Amino acid sequence: MVDRNHVCKACEGTGMLADDEEWQYTCTVCGGEGYVQQEHPASSIVLNVDENNRILD
């Protein structure tokens, strides 16, 4: 069971995000895990996006 203090606030623990057109994509905050660990801050990575700022997987 995941500690509620470590649940990703961006995706609310689901590991998936959706844009305003309901396109689903992996959460970039937690990497699709659904939780984050405070000891290991997220690293900055450059993402490929299309002209509508949708992430290209």
C-alpha atoms as a PDB file:
ATOM      1  CA  MET A   1       0.000   0.000   0.000  1.00  0.00           C
ATOM      2  CA  VAL A   2       1.281   3.453  -0.895  1.00  0.00           C
ATOM      3  CA  ASP A   3       1.612   6.077   1.825  1.00  0.00           C
ATOM      4  CA  ARG A   4      -0.974   8.807   1.140  1.00  0.00           C
ATOM      5  CA  ASN A   5       1.685  11.476   1.745  1.00  0.00           C
ATOM      6  CA  HIS A   6       3.597  10.231  -1.307  1.00  0.00           C
ATOM      7  CA  VAL A   7       0.699   9.995  -3.786  1.00  0.00           C
ATOM      8  CA  CYS A   8       1.420  12.110  -6.866  1.00  0.00           C
ATOM      9  CA  LYS A   9      -0.650  15.273  -6.691  1.00  0.00           C
ATOM     10  CA  ALA A  10      -0.528  15.807 -10.464  1.00  0.00           C
ATOM     11  CA  CYS A  11      -2.233  12.524 -11.434  1.00  0.00           C
ATOM     12  CA  GLU A  12      -3.832  11.737  -8.051  1.00  0.00           C
ATOM     13  CA  GLY A  13      -2.178   8.332  -7.960  1.00  0.00           C
ATOM     14  CA  THR A  14      -3.427   7.031 -11.322  1.00  0.00           C
ATOM     15  CA  GLY A  15      -0.172   7.477 -13.242  1.00  0.00           C
ATOM     16  CA  MET A  16      -2.049   8.987 -16.186  1.00  0.00           C
ATOM     17  CA  LEU A  17      -2.950  12.548 -17.164  1.00  0.00           C
ATOM     18  CA  ALA A  18      -5.391  13.850 -19.778  1.00  0.00           C
ATOM     19  CA  ASP A  19      -5.473  17.098 -21.697  1.00  0.00           C
ATOM     20  CA  ASP A  20      -8.564  19.159 -22.482  1.00  0.00           C
ATOM     21  CA  GLU A  21      -9.294  16.943 -25.513  1.00  0.00           C
ATOM     22  CA  GLU A  22      -9.159  13.805 -23.307  1.00  0.00           C
ATOM     23  CA  TRP A  23      -5.878  12.541 -24.803  1.00  0.00           C
ATOM     24  CA  GLN A  24      -4.356  10.257 -22.161  1.00  0.00           C
ATOM     25  CA  TYR A  25      -0.633  10.206 -21.448  1.00  0.00           C
ATOM     26  CA  THR A  26       1.778   9.043 -18.773  1.00  0.00           C
ATOM     27  CA  CYS A  27       2.207  11.431 -15.845  1.00  0.00           C
ATOM     28  CA  THR A  28       5.474  13.307 -16.246  1.00  0.00           C
ATOM     29  CA  VAL A  29       5.732  14.133 -12.545  1.00  0.00           C
ATOM     30  CA  CYS A  30       5.794  10.576 -11.213  1.00  0.00           C
ATOM     31  CA  GLY A  31       6.699   8.771 -14.443  1.00  0.00           C
ATOM     32  CA  GLY A  32       3.478   6.747 -14.402  1.00  0.00           C
ATOM     33  CA  GLU A  33       4.098   5.242 -10.975  1.00  0.00           C
ATOM     34  CA  GLY A  34       1.311   7.133  -9.200  1.00  0.00           C
ATOM     35  CA  TYR A  35       3.491   8.148  -6.286  1.00  0.00           C
ATOM     36  CA  VAL A  36       6.605  10.222  -5.698  1.00  0.00           C
ATOM     37  CA  GLN A  37       9.384   9.792  -3.198  1.00  0.00           C
ATOM     38  CA  GLN A  38      10.528  12.911  -1.405  1.00  0.00           C
ATOM     39  CA  GLU A  39      14.120  11.636  -1.129  1.00  0.00           C
ATOM     40  CA  HIS A  40      14.567  11.596  -4.919  1.00  0.00           C
ATOM     41  CA  PRO A  41      13.451  14.837  -6.565  1.00  0.00           C
ATOM     42  CA  ALA A  42      12.306  14.561 -10.182  1.00  0.00           C
ATOM     43  CA  SER A  43      14.956  15.304 -12.752  1.00  0.00           C
ATOM     44  CA  SER A  44      14.298  17.785 -15.527  1.00  0.00           C
ATOM     45  CA  ILE A  45      13.948  16.267 -18.957  1.00  0.00           C
ATOM     46  CA  VAL A  46      13.017  17.817 -22.271  1.00  0.00           C
ATOM     47  CA  LEU A  47       9.858  16.316 -23.739  1.00  0.00           C
ATOM     48  CA  ASN A  48       8.877  16.099 -27.385  1.00  0.00           C
ATOM     49  CA  VAL A  49       5.526  17.787 -28.039  1.00  0.00           C
ATOM     50  CA  ASP A  50       3.424  18.457 -31.120  1.00  0.00           C
ATOM     51  CA  GLU A  51       2.038  21.836 -32.201  1.00  0.00           C
ATOM     52  CA  ASN A  52      -0.803  21.456 -29.652  1.00  0.00           C
ATOM     53  CA  ASN A  53       1.692  20.811 -26.822  1.00  0.00           C
ATOM     54  CA  ARG A  54       0.693  17.147 -26.555  1.00  0.00           C
ATOM     55  CA  ILE A  55       3.495  14.858 -25.435  1.00  0.00           C
ATOM     56  CA  LEU A  56       4.794  12.539 -28.145  1.00  0.00           C
ATOM     57  CA  ASP A  57       5.480   9.076 -26.661  1.00  0.00           C
END
